[in-house]
């Protein structure tokens, strides 16, 4: 994990990593990343509680100055109770991708002091058709419809500070980042046309590979290649603005950090078949209703390794 963190800072120095806690909320992983200075992408109240007060002395975020700058409630569809928890605990940056979410945010904003109101981030749908695991059919607002949401945000007094996107896990085409940044520029321009405060934040999402073993797809670009594409897209994006305009870039890596550092140990307690050329069925103490649900939902291809045979 430390090697992954160092690689990130070396290849993507302008993009701050916010670990996606949902990928593996093991407190050991979260504590280590906190110690390294990583930010956190939380999708639920439980994840926020872990980062704020479940890491131990000197690592709990609630005790750190300006901790809210290193956290984002990155779930476009949120429960009101979770929004209230976030607001009451200083987690005031959150994503949205629809009108209903803006009304939720505005509702909670009315309960907050002026300086503590939410900073909203508009989640855009983007071109992820060449990714193994696509998200734009589930989350995100099409760039062409973003101006309408910005108009609603303006009417409700919700401060939209930037945009986020996710090109999918197992990205098969690094050009997707340039397309997403082009969409971001359109939305930033639309905000200016509406007279909204200048947006400064871009969240480039997650889905970055944590290894090169082909667990998602053999032809997937490596992280260095993705980093080159992101850096080029940032350069092209900033060239469209006055040089005095400053932007902040964050990302939500999950498996990037924990894939290499974590192994699932499962016990084979039964088998059937396998004689001659027939296939063999193995029965494990884990499965698609547990740790292997990513086989069904994320198109993952586990690579097994036989361990000790004398474990009872």
C-alpha atoms as a PDB file:
ATOM      1  CA  UNK A   1       0.000   0.000   0.000  1.00  0.00           C
ATOM      2  CA  UNK A   2       2.867   2.371   0.734  1.00  0.00           C
ATOM      3  CA  UNK A   3       4.369   1.563  -2.666  1.00  0.00           C
ATOM      4  CA  UNK A   4       1.019   2.298  -4.300  1.00  0.00           C
ATOM      5  CA  UNK A   5       0.777   5.611  -2.440  1.00  0.00           C
ATOM      6  CA  UNK A   6       4.302   6.597  -3.487  1.00  0.00           C
ATOM      7  CA  UNK A   7       3.547   5.651  -7.098  1.00  0.00           C
ATOM      8  CA  UNK A   8       0.428   7.814  -7.035  1.00  0.00           C
ATOM      9  CA  UNK A   9       2.285  10.854  -5.714  1.00  0.00           C
ATOM     10  CA  UNK A  10       5.019  10.328  -8.297  1.00  0.00           C
ATOM     11  CA  UNK A  11       2.775   9.887 -11.357  1.00  0.00           C
ATOM     12  CA  UNK A  12      -0.248  12.001 -10.402  1.00  0.00           C
ATOM     13  CA  UNK A  13       1.155  14.740  -8.165  1.00  0.00           C
ATOM     14  CA  UNK A  14      -1.691  17.173  -8.954  1.00  0.00           C
ATOM     15  CA  UNK A  15      -4.460  14.726  -8.011  1.00  0.00           C
ATOM     16  CA  UNK A  16      -5.160  14.083  -4.326  1.00  0.00           C
ATOM     17  CA  UNK A  17      -6.176  10.471  -3.558  1.00  0.00           C
ATOM     18  CA  UNK A  18      -9.328  10.015  -1.449  1.00  0.00           C
ATOM     19  CA  UNK A  19      -9.507   6.307  -0.604  1.00  0.00           C
ATOM     20  CA  UNK A  20     -12.904   4.753  -1.442  1.00  0.00           C
ATOM     21  CA  UNK A  21     -13.621   3.171   1.939  1.00  0.00           C
ATOM     22  CA  UNK A  22     -16.329   0.892   0.490  1.00  0.00           C
ATOM     23  CA  UNK A  23     -13.715  -1.091  -1.455  1.00  0.00           C
ATOM     24  CA  UNK A  24     -12.283  -2.472   1.802  1.00  0.00           C
ATOM     25  CA  UNK A  25     -13.163  -0.821   5.136  1.00  0.00           C
ATOM     26  CA  UNK A  26     -10.691  -2.876   7.168  1.00  0.00           C
ATOM     27  CA  UNK A  27      -9.539  -0.465   9.918  1.00  0.00           C
ATOM     28  CA  UNK A  28      -5.886  -1.470   9.394  1.00  0.00           C
ATOM     29  CA  UNK A  29      -6.043  -0.278   5.774  1.00  0.00           C
ATOM     30  CA  UNK A  30      -7.871   2.927   6.648  1.00  0.00           C
ATOM     31  CA  UNK A  31      -5.489   3.697   9.524  1.00  0.00           C
ATOM     32  CA  UNK A  32      -2.434   3.249   7.319  1.00  0.00           C
ATOM     33  CA  UNK A  33      -3.832   5.512   4.611  1.00  0.00           C
ATOM     34  CA  UNK A  34      -4.739   8.105   7.235  1.00  0.00           C
ATOM     35  CA  UNK A  35      -1.148   8.020   8.497  1.00  0.00           C
ATOM     36  CA  UNK A  36       0.123   8.501   4.928  1.00  0.00           C
ATOM     37  CA  UNK A  37      -2.021  11.619   4.525  1.00  0.00           C
ATOM     38  CA  UNK A  38      -4.680  10.180   2.240  1.00  0.00           C
ATOM     39  CA  UNK A  39      -8.165  11.652   2.022  1.00  0.00           C
ATOM     40  CA  UNK A  40     -11.334   9.540   2.145  1.00  0.00           C
ATOM     41  CA  UNK A  41     -14.360   8.983  -0.070  1.00  0.00           C
ATOM     42  CA  UNK A  42     -17.238   7.811   2.137  1.00  0.00           C
ATOM     43  CA  UNK A  43     -20.537   6.479   0.780  1.00  0.00           C
ATOM     44  CA  UNK A  44     -22.424   5.803   4.038  1.00  0.00           C
ATOM     45  CA  UNK A  45     -22.767   7.037   7.594  1.00  0.00           C
ATOM     46  CA  UNK A  46     -20.884   3.975   8.844  1.00  0.00           C
ATOM     47  CA  UNK A  47     -17.899   4.779   6.649  1.00  0.00           C
ATOM     48  CA  UNK A  48     -17.892   8.378   7.856  1.00  0.00           C
ATOM     49  CA  UNK A  49     -18.004   7.179  11.476  1.00  0.00           C
ATOM     50  CA  UNK A  50     -15.012   4.902  10.849  1.00  0.00           C
ATOM     51  CA  UNK A  51     -12.876   7.698   9.394  1.00  0.00           C
ATOM     52  CA  UNK A  52     -13.981  10.317  11.912  1.00  0.00           C
ATOM     53  CA  UNK A  53     -13.712   8.321  15.129  1.00  0.00           C
ATOM     54  CA  UNK A  54     -12.778   4.685  14.481  1.00  0.00           C
ATOM     55  CA  UNK A  55      -9.060   4.920  13.687  1.00  0.00           C
ATOM     56  CA  UNK A  56      -7.571   5.518  17.124  1.00  0.00           C
ATOM     57  CA  UNK A  57      -5.576   8.275  18.758  1.00  0.00           C
ATOM     58  CA  UNK A  58      -3.714  10.659  16.428  1.00  0.00           C
ATOM     59  CA  UNK A  59      -5.442   9.181  13.344  1.00  0.00           C
ATOM     60  CA  UNK A  60      -9.148   9.929  13.896  1.00  0.00           C
ATOM     61  CA  UNK A  61     -10.138  12.647  11.462  1.00  0.00           C
ATOM     62  CA  UNK A  62     -12.433  14.432  13.923  1.00  0.00           C
ATOM     63  CA  UNK A  63      -9.311  15.482  15.847  1.00  0.00           C
ATOM     64  CA  UNK A  64      -7.464  16.815  12.797  1.00  0.00           C
ATOM     65  CA  UNK A  65      -7.609  20.489  11.809  1.00  0.00           C
ATOM     66  CA  UNK A  66      -9.493  21.168   8.568  1.00  0.00           C
ATOM     67  CA  UNK A  67     -10.365  17.462   8.251  1.00  0.00           C
ATOM     68  CA  UNK A  68     -13.398  18.283   6.085  1.00  0.00           C
ATOM     69  CA  UNK A  69     -11.009  19.218   3.262  1.00  0.00           C
ATOM     70  CA  UNK A  70      -9.874  15.577   3.149  1.00  0.00           C
ATOM     71  CA  UNK A  71     -13.318  13.944   3.075  1.00  0.00           C
ATOM     72  CA  UNK A  72     -16.120  13.688   0.536  1.00  0.00           C
ATOM     73  CA  UNK A  73     -19.543  12.085   0.920  1.00  0.00           C
ATOM     74  CA  UNK A  74     -19.450  10.648  -2.588  1.00  0.00           C
ATOM     75  CA  UNK A  75     -22.804   8.946  -2.906  1.00  0.00           C
ATOM     76  CA  UNK A  76     -25.072  10.641  -5.470  1.00  0.00           C
ATOM     77  CA  UNK A  77     -28.177   9.181  -3.762  1.00  0.00           C
ATOM     78  CA  UNK A  78     -28.253   9.789  -0.021  1.00  0.00           C
ATOM     79  CA  UNK A  79     -30.532   9.199   2.958  1.00  0.00           C
ATOM     80  CA  UNK A  80     -31.634  12.380   4.722  1.00  0.00           C
ATOM     81  CA  UNK A  81     -30.437  10.928   8.049  1.00  0.00           C
ATOM     82  CA  UNK A  82     -26.963  10.318   6.589  1.00  0.00           C
ATOM     83  CA  UNK A  83     -26.886  13.854   5.201  1.00  0.00           C
ATOM     84  CA  UNK A  84     -27.745  15.230   8.627  1.00  0.00           C
ATOM     85  CA  UNK A  85     -25.030  13.102  10.220  1.00  0.00           C
ATOM     86  CA  UNK A  86     -22.501  14.392   7.688  1.00  0.00           C
ATOM     87  CA  UNK A  87     -23.527  18.001   8.284  1.00  0.00           C
ATOM     88  CA  UNK A  88     -23.441  17.664  12.077  1.00  0.00           C
ATOM     89  CA  UNK A  89     -19.955  16.153  11.899  1.00  0.00           C
ATOM     90  CA  UNK A  90     -18.309  18.577   9.484  1.00  0.00           C
ATOM     91  CA  UNK A  91     -18.409  16.436   6.332  1.00  0.00           C
ATOM     92  CA  UNK A  92     -19.807  19.165   4.112  1.00  0.00           C
ATOM     93  CA  UNK A  93     -18.703  18.123   0.614  1.00  0.00           C
ATOM     94  CA  UNK A  94     -21.082  15.761  -1.174  1.00  0.00           C
ATOM     95  CA  UNK A  95     -22.053  14.642  -4.667  1.00  0.00           C
ATOM     96  CA  UNK A  96     -25.431  14.760  -6.429  1.00  0.00           C
ATOM     97  CA  UNK A  97     -26.749  13.846  -9.871  1.00  0.00           C
ATOM     98  CA  UNK A  98     -30.456  14.698  -9.788  1.00  0.00           C
ATOM     99  CA  UNK A  99     -33.001  17.306  -8.770  1.00  0.00           C
ATOM    100  CA  UNK A 100     -34.338  15.362  -5.777  1.00  0.00           C
ATOM    101  CA  UNK A 101     -30.863  15.275  -4.250  1.00  0.00           C
ATOM    102  CA  UNK A 102     -30.618  19.054  -4.522  1.00  0.00           C
ATOM    103  CA  UNK A 103     -33.837  19.403  -2.539  1.00  0.00           C
ATOM    104  CA  UNK A 104     -32.443  17.068   0.136  1.00  0.00           C
ATOM    105  CA  UNK A 105     -29.248  19.093   0.357  1.00  0.00           C
ATOM    106  CA  UNK A 106     -31.201  22.355   0.519  1.00  0.00           C
ATOM    107  CA  UNK A 107     -33.436  20.917   3.263  1.00  0.00           C
ATOM    108  CA  UNK A 108     -30.453  20.063   5.458  1.00  0.00           C
ATOM    109  CA  UNK A 109     -28.716  23.346   4.574  1.00  0.00           C
ATOM    110  CA  UNK A 110     -31.566  25.240   6.240  1.00  0.00           C
ATOM    111  CA  UNK A 111     -30.600  23.612   9.543  1.00  0.00           C
ATOM    112  CA  UNK A 112     -26.955  24.668   9.339  1.00  0.00           C
ATOM    113  CA  UNK A 113     -25.062  27.862  10.176  1.00  0.00           C
ATOM    114  CA  UNK A 114     -24.130  29.877   7.089  1.00  0.00           C
ATOM    115  CA  UNK A 115     -20.465  28.862   7.130  1.00  0.00           C
ATOM    116  CA  UNK A 116     -21.217  25.129   7.444  1.00  0.00           C
ATOM    117  CA  UNK A 117     -23.486  24.574   4.445  1.00  0.00           C
ATOM    118  CA  UNK A 118     -22.802  21.798   1.929  1.00  0.00           C
ATOM    119  CA  UNK A 119     -20.427  22.210  -0.980  1.00  0.00           C
ATOM    120  CA  UNK A 120     -22.129  20.183  -3.702  1.00  0.00           C
ATOM    121  CA  UNK A 121     -20.310  18.343  -6.487  1.00  0.00           C
ATOM    122  CA  UNK A 122     -22.255  17.459  -9.644  1.00  0.00           C
ATOM    123  CA  UNK A 123     -21.685  13.848 -10.766  1.00  0.00           C
ATOM    124  CA  UNK A 124     -21.576  13.626 -14.571  1.00  0.00           C
ATOM    125  CA  UNK A 125     -22.278  10.533 -16.638  1.00  0.00           C
ATOM    126  CA  UNK A 126     -19.446   9.941 -19.063  1.00  0.00           C
ATOM    127  CA  UNK A 127     -18.332   7.609 -21.830  1.00  0.00           C
ATOM    128  CA  UNK A 128     -17.457   4.307 -20.118  1.00  0.00           C
ATOM    129  CA  UNK A 129     -18.527   1.871 -22.830  1.00  0.00           C
ATOM    130  CA  UNK A 130     -15.015   0.374 -23.042  1.00  0.00           C
ATOM    131  CA  UNK A 131     -14.752  -0.304 -19.307  1.00  0.00           C
ATOM    132  CA  UNK A 132     -15.288  -3.738 -17.781  1.00  0.00           C
ATOM    133  CA  UNK A 133     -17.547  -2.366 -15.053  1.00  0.00           C
ATOM    134  CA  UNK A 134     -19.677   0.584 -16.142  1.00  0.00           C
ATOM    135  CA  UNK A 135     -21.354   3.093 -13.824  1.00  0.00           C
ATOM    136  CA  UNK A 136     -22.854   5.777 -16.060  1.00  0.00           C
ATOM    137  CA  UNK A 137     -26.061   3.756 -16.477  1.00  0.00           C
ATOM    138  CA  UNK A 138     -26.425   3.927 -12.682  1.00  0.00           C
ATOM    139  CA  UNK A 139     -25.022   7.281 -11.606  1.00  0.00           C
ATOM    140  CA  UNK A 140     -24.402  10.612 -13.239  1.00  0.00           C
ATOM    141  CA  UNK A 141     -26.151  13.418 -15.072  1.00  0.00           C
ATOM    142  CA  UNK A 142     -25.548  13.749 -18.853  1.00  0.00           C
ATOM    143  CA  UNK A 143     -23.430  16.827 -19.524  1.00  0.00           C
ATOM    144  CA  UNK A 144     -26.126  18.274 -21.814  1.00  0.00           C
ATOM    145  CA  UNK A 145     -28.615  18.244 -18.917  1.00  0.00           C
ATOM    146  CA  UNK A 146     -26.263  19.691 -16.301  1.00  0.00           C
ATOM    147  CA  UNK A 147     -27.265  23.323 -16.878  1.00  0.00           C
ATOM    148  CA  UNK A 148     -30.835  22.552 -15.809  1.00  0.00           C
ATOM    149  CA  UNK A 149     -29.588  21.116 -12.515  1.00  0.00           C
ATOM    150  CA  UNK A 150     -27.340  24.129 -11.989  1.00  0.00           C
ATOM    151  CA  UNK A 151     -30.371  26.366 -12.441  1.00  0.00           C
ATOM    152  CA  UNK A 152     -32.225  24.427  -9.734  1.00  0.00           C
ATOM    153  CA  UNK A 153     -29.180  24.647  -7.451  1.00  0.00           C
ATOM    154  CA  UNK A 154     -29.100  28.425  -7.970  1.00  0.00           C
ATOM    155  CA  UNK A 155     -32.797  28.731  -7.084  1.00  0.00           C
ATOM    156  CA  UNK A 156     -32.309  26.653  -3.932  1.00  0.00           C
ATOM    157  CA  UNK A 157     -29.134  28.454  -2.887  1.00  0.00           C
ATOM    158  CA  UNK A 158     -27.030  25.263  -3.029  1.00  0.00           C
ATOM    159  CA  UNK A 159     -23.351  26.009  -3.634  1.00  0.00           C
ATOM    160  CA  UNK A 160     -22.008  23.805  -6.457  1.00  0.00           C
ATOM    161  CA  UNK A 161     -18.205  23.846  -6.242  1.00  0.00           C
ATOM    162  CA  UNK A 162     -17.265  21.376  -8.984  1.00  0.00           C
ATOM    163  CA  UNK A 163     -17.984  18.166 -10.851  1.00  0.00           C
ATOM    164  CA  UNK A 164     -17.124  14.497 -10.533  1.00  0.00           C
ATOM    165  CA  UNK A 165     -17.100  11.616 -12.985  1.00  0.00           C
ATOM    166  CA  UNK A 166     -16.125   7.929 -13.132  1.00  0.00           C
ATOM    167  CA  UNK A 167     -14.940   6.310 -16.373  1.00  0.00           C
ATOM    168  CA  UNK A 168     -15.609   2.815 -14.994  1.00  0.00           C
ATOM    169  CA  UNK A 169     -13.494   0.062 -13.486  1.00  0.00           C
ATOM    170  CA  UNK A 170     -11.212  -1.868 -15.789  1.00  0.00           C
ATOM    171  CA  UNK A 171     -10.992   1.141 -18.097  1.00  0.00           C
ATOM    172  CA  UNK A 172     -10.212   0.002 -21.642  1.00  0.00           C
ATOM    173  CA  UNK A 173      -9.677   3.413 -23.233  1.00  0.00           C
ATOM    174  CA  UNK A 174      -7.676   6.203 -21.607  1.00  0.00           C
ATOM    175  CA  UNK A 175      -9.262   8.711 -24.013  1.00  0.00           C
ATOM    176  CA  UNK A 176     -12.318   8.504 -21.768  1.00  0.00           C
ATOM    177  CA  UNK A 177     -10.553  10.900 -19.384  1.00  0.00           C
ATOM    178  CA  UNK A 178     -10.135  13.558 -22.056  1.00  0.00           C
ATOM    179  CA  UNK A 179     -13.809  13.185 -23.007  1.00  0.00           C
ATOM    180  CA  UNK A 180     -14.800  13.596 -19.360  1.00  0.00           C
ATOM    181  CA  UNK A 181     -12.669  16.713 -18.951  1.00  0.00           C
ATOM    182  CA  UNK A 182     -14.226  18.157 -22.115  1.00  0.00           C
ATOM    183  CA  UNK A 183     -17.644  17.603 -20.543  1.00  0.00           C
ATOM    184  CA  UNK A 184     -16.395  19.234 -17.349  1.00  0.00           C
ATOM    185  CA  UNK A 185     -15.398  22.330 -19.304  1.00  0.00           C
ATOM    186  CA  UNK A 186     -18.923  22.576 -20.764  1.00  0.00           C
ATOM    187  CA  UNK A 187     -20.424  22.442 -17.276  1.00  0.00           C
ATOM    188  CA  UNK A 188     -17.971  24.971 -15.867  1.00  0.00           C
ATOM    189  CA  UNK A 189     -18.886  27.298 -18.753  1.00  0.00           C
ATOM    190  CA  UNK A 190     -22.616  26.760 -18.120  1.00  0.00           C
ATOM    191  CA  UNK A 191     -22.134  27.711 -14.462  1.00  0.00           C
ATOM    192  CA  UNK A 192     -20.445  30.969 -15.514  1.00  0.00           C
ATOM    193  CA  UNK A 193     -23.314  31.738 -17.905  1.00  0.00           C
ATOM    194  CA  UNK A 194     -25.733  31.366 -14.992  1.00  0.00           C
ATOM    195  CA  UNK A 195     -23.672  33.736 -12.871  1.00  0.00           C
ATOM    196  CA  UNK A 196     -22.744  31.081 -10.333  1.00  0.00           C
ATOM    197  CA  UNK A 197     -19.498  31.313  -8.339  1.00  0.00           C
ATOM    198  CA  UNK A 198     -16.557  29.905 -10.295  1.00  0.00           C
ATOM    199  CA  UNK A 199     -16.232  26.151  -9.796  1.00  0.00           C
ATOM    200  CA  UNK A 200     -12.775  24.884  -8.897  1.00  0.00           C
ATOM    201  CA  UNK A 201     -13.039  21.164  -8.015  1.00  0.00           C
ATOM    202  CA  UNK A 202     -12.820  18.127 -10.311  1.00  0.00           C
ATOM    203  CA  UNK A 203     -13.151  14.598  -8.906  1.00  0.00           C
ATOM    204  CA  UNK A 204     -11.896  12.083 -11.499  1.00  0.00           C
ATOM    205  CA  UNK A 205     -13.434   9.077  -9.725  1.00  0.00           C
ATOM    206  CA  UNK A 206     -11.905   5.641  -9.207  1.00  0.00           C
ATOM    207  CA  UNK A 207     -11.556   2.297 -10.936  1.00  0.00           C
ATOM    208  CA  UNK A 208      -7.769   2.449 -11.157  1.00  0.00           C
ATOM    209  CA  UNK A 209      -6.018  -0.932 -11.427  1.00  0.00           C
ATOM    210  CA  UNK A 210      -4.302  -2.218  -8.319  1.00  0.00           C
ATOM    211  CA  UNK A 211      -2.258  -4.862 -10.158  1.00  0.00           C
ATOM    212  CA  UNK A 212      -1.344  -5.971 -13.663  1.00  0.00           C
ATOM    213  CA  UNK A 213      -2.601  -9.560 -13.379  1.00  0.00           C
ATOM    214  CA  UNK A 214      -5.511  -9.138 -15.776  1.00  0.00           C
ATOM    215  CA  UNK A 215      -8.122  -9.722 -13.096  1.00  0.00           C
ATOM    216  CA  UNK A 216     -10.475  -7.407 -14.971  1.00  0.00           C
ATOM    217  CA  UNK A 217      -9.206  -7.528 -18.546  1.00  0.00           C
ATOM    218  CA  UNK A 218      -5.895  -8.482 -20.121  1.00  0.00           C
ATOM    219  CA  UNK A 219      -5.819  -5.424 -22.382  1.00  0.00           C
ATOM    220  CA  UNK A 220      -6.563  -2.877 -19.651  1.00  0.00           C
ATOM    221  CA  UNK A 221      -4.187   0.115 -19.566  1.00  0.00           C
ATOM    222  CA  UNK A 222      -1.682   0.089 -16.712  1.00  0.00           C
ATOM    223  CA  UNK A 223      -1.774   2.780 -14.058  1.00  0.00           C
ATOM    224  CA  UNK A 224       1.230   4.664 -15.541  1.00  0.00           C
ATOM    225  CA  UNK A 225      -0.576   4.855 -18.885  1.00  0.00           C
ATOM    226  CA  UNK A 226      -3.745   6.084 -17.199  1.00  0.00           C
ATOM    227  CA  UNK A 227      -1.729   8.662 -15.249  1.00  0.00           C
ATOM    228  CA  UNK A 228      -0.226  10.011 -18.485  1.00  0.00           C
ATOM    229  CA  UNK A 229      -3.713  10.379 -19.974  1.00  0.00           C
ATOM    230  CA  UNK A 230      -5.037  12.157 -16.867  1.00  0.00           C
ATOM    231  CA  UNK A 231      -2.083  14.557 -16.783  1.00  0.00           C
ATOM    232  CA  UNK A 232      -2.567  15.409 -20.453  1.00  0.00           C
ATOM    233  CA  UNK A 233      -6.294  15.945 -19.916  1.00  0.00           C
ATOM    234  CA  UNK A 234      -5.578  18.296 -16.987  1.00  0.00           C
ATOM    235  CA  UNK A 235      -3.140  20.289 -19.109  1.00  0.00           C
ATOM    236  CA  UNK A 236      -5.688  20.622 -21.917  1.00  0.00           C
ATOM    237  CA  UNK A 237      -8.410  21.597 -19.467  1.00  0.00           C
ATOM    238  CA  UNK A 238      -6.382  24.300 -17.733  1.00  0.00           C
ATOM    239  CA  UNK A 239      -5.233  25.745 -21.072  1.00  0.00           C
ATOM    240  CA  UNK A 240      -8.843  26.825 -21.698  1.00  0.00           C
ATOM    241  CA  UNK A 241      -8.832  29.162 -18.689  1.00  0.00           C
ATOM    242  CA  UNK A 242      -6.905  32.189 -17.578  1.00  0.00           C
ATOM    243  CA  UNK A 243      -3.641  31.138 -15.948  1.00  0.00           C
ATOM    244  CA  UNK A 244      -4.682  32.798 -12.685  1.00  0.00           C
ATOM    245  CA  UNK A 245      -7.584  30.347 -12.262  1.00  0.00           C
ATOM    246  CA  UNK A 246      -6.647  27.627  -9.789  1.00  0.00           C
ATOM    247  CA  UNK A 247      -8.237  24.182  -9.671  1.00  0.00           C
ATOM    248  CA  UNK A 248      -8.238  21.299  -7.221  1.00  0.00           C
ATOM    249  CA  UNK A 249      -8.207  17.692  -8.446  1.00  0.00           C
ATOM    250  CA  UNK A 250      -9.122  14.679  -6.340  1.00  0.00           C
ATOM    251  CA  UNK A 251      -9.780  11.006  -7.116  1.00  0.00           C
ATOM    252  CA  UNK A 252     -11.408   8.023  -5.400  1.00  0.00           C
ATOM    253  CA  UNK A 253      -9.033   5.027  -5.711  1.00  0.00           C
ATOM    254  CA  UNK A 254     -10.180   1.887  -3.919  1.00  0.00           C
ATOM    255  CA  UNK A 255      -8.830  -1.391  -5.302  1.00  0.00           C
ATOM    256  CA  UNK A 256      -5.770   0.592  -6.419  1.00  0.00           C
ATOM    257  CA  UNK A 257      -4.646   0.543  -2.789  1.00  0.00           C
ATOM    258  CA  UNK A 258      -6.014  -2.715  -1.436  1.00  0.00           C
ATOM    259  CA  UNK A 259      -5.768  -5.198  -4.349  1.00  0.00           C
ATOM    260  CA  UNK A 260      -2.045  -5.838  -3.939  1.00  0.00           C
ATOM    261  CA  UNK A 261      -2.114  -5.745  -0.153  1.00  0.00           C
ATOM    262  CA  UNK A 262      -5.074  -8.035   0.486  1.00  0.00           C
ATOM    263  CA  UNK A 263      -5.727 -11.733  -0.125  1.00  0.00           C
ATOM    264  CA  UNK A 264      -8.915 -13.680   0.577  1.00  0.00           C
ATOM    265  CA  UNK A 265      -8.153 -17.013   2.255  1.00  0.00           C
ATOM    266  CA  UNK A 266     -10.976 -19.476   1.595  1.00  0.00           C
ATOM    267  CA  UNK A 267     -11.233 -23.096   2.666  1.00  0.00           C
ATOM    268  CA  UNK A 268     -12.062 -25.756   0.040  1.00  0.00           C
ATOM    269  CA  UNK A 269     -14.225 -28.179   2.024  1.00  0.00           C
ATOM    270  CA  UNK A 270     -15.705 -30.229  -0.785  1.00  0.00           C
ATOM    271  CA  UNK A 271     -15.325 -31.192  -4.415  1.00  0.00           C
ATOM    272  CA  UNK A 272     -17.311 -33.071  -7.021  1.00  0.00           C
ATOM    273  CA  UNK A 273     -16.392 -34.467 -10.431  1.00  0.00           C
ATOM    274  CA  UNK A 274     -13.068 -33.994 -12.149  1.00  0.00           C
ATOM    275  CA  UNK A 275     -12.490 -37.531 -13.380  1.00  0.00           C
ATOM    276  CA  UNK A 276     -11.217 -37.880 -16.939  1.00  0.00           C
ATOM    277  CA  UNK A 277     -11.813 -34.654 -18.831  1.00  0.00           C
ATOM    278  CA  UNK A 278     -14.847 -33.648 -16.805  1.00  0.00           C
ATOM    279  CA  UNK A 279     -14.867 -30.344 -14.986  1.00  0.00           C
ATOM    280  CA  UNK A 280     -14.546 -30.279 -11.226  1.00  0.00           C
ATOM    281  CA  UNK A 281     -16.688 -28.303  -8.802  1.00  0.00           C
ATOM    282  CA  UNK A 282     -15.022 -26.892  -5.683  1.00  0.00           C
ATOM    283  CA  UNK A 283     -17.051 -25.805  -2.659  1.00  0.00           C
ATOM    284  CA  UNK A 284     -15.686 -22.922  -0.574  1.00  0.00           C
ATOM    285  CA  UNK A 285     -16.574 -21.258   2.701  1.00  0.00           C
ATOM    286  CA  UNK A 286     -17.099 -18.020   0.759  1.00  0.00           C
ATOM    287  CA  UNK A 287     -18.949 -17.207  -2.446  1.00  0.00           C
ATOM    288  CA  UNK A 288     -20.882 -14.809  -4.669  1.00  0.00           C
ATOM    289  CA  UNK A 289     -23.107 -13.864  -1.727  1.00  0.00           C
ATOM    290  CA  UNK A 290     -19.981 -12.845   0.188  1.00  0.00           C
ATOM    291  CA  UNK A 291     -16.495 -11.713  -0.820  1.00  0.00           C
ATOM    292  CA  UNK A 292     -16.854 -12.979  -4.392  1.00  0.00           C
ATOM    293  CA  UNK A 293     -19.865 -10.838  -5.288  1.00  0.00           C
ATOM    294  CA  UNK A 294     -17.501  -8.852  -7.519  1.00  0.00           C
ATOM    295  CA  UNK A 295     -17.420 -11.856  -9.859  1.00  0.00           C
ATOM    296  CA  UNK A 296     -21.108 -11.217 -10.559  1.00  0.00           C
ATOM    297  CA  UNK A 297     -21.273  -7.429 -10.351  1.00  0.00           C
ATOM    298  CA  UNK A 298     -17.772  -6.244 -11.301  1.00  0.00           C
ATOM    299  CA  UNK A 299     -16.725  -8.844 -13.918  1.00  0.00           C
ATOM    300  CA  UNK A 300     -13.794  -9.843 -11.732  1.00  0.00           C
ATOM    301  CA  UNK A 301     -11.689 -12.946 -12.492  1.00  0.00           C
ATOM    302  CA  UNK A 302     -10.105 -14.257  -9.268  1.00  0.00           C
ATOM    303  CA  UNK A 303      -6.675 -15.831  -9.643  1.00  0.00           C
ATOM    304  CA  UNK A 304      -6.477 -18.761  -7.182  1.00  0.00           C
ATOM    305  CA  UNK A 305      -3.360 -19.913  -5.387  1.00  0.00           C
ATOM    306  CA  UNK A 306      -3.221 -23.178  -3.468  1.00  0.00           C
ATOM    307  CA  UNK A 307      -2.111 -22.772   0.118  1.00  0.00           C
ATOM    308  CA  UNK A 308      -1.483 -25.353   2.839  1.00  0.00           C
ATOM    309  CA  UNK A 309      -3.407 -28.609   2.439  1.00  0.00           C
ATOM    310  CA  UNK A 310      -3.322 -29.697   6.077  1.00  0.00           C
ATOM    311  CA  UNK A 311      -5.619 -27.004   7.482  1.00  0.00           C
ATOM    312  CA  UNK A 312      -8.662 -28.587   9.123  1.00  0.00           C
END
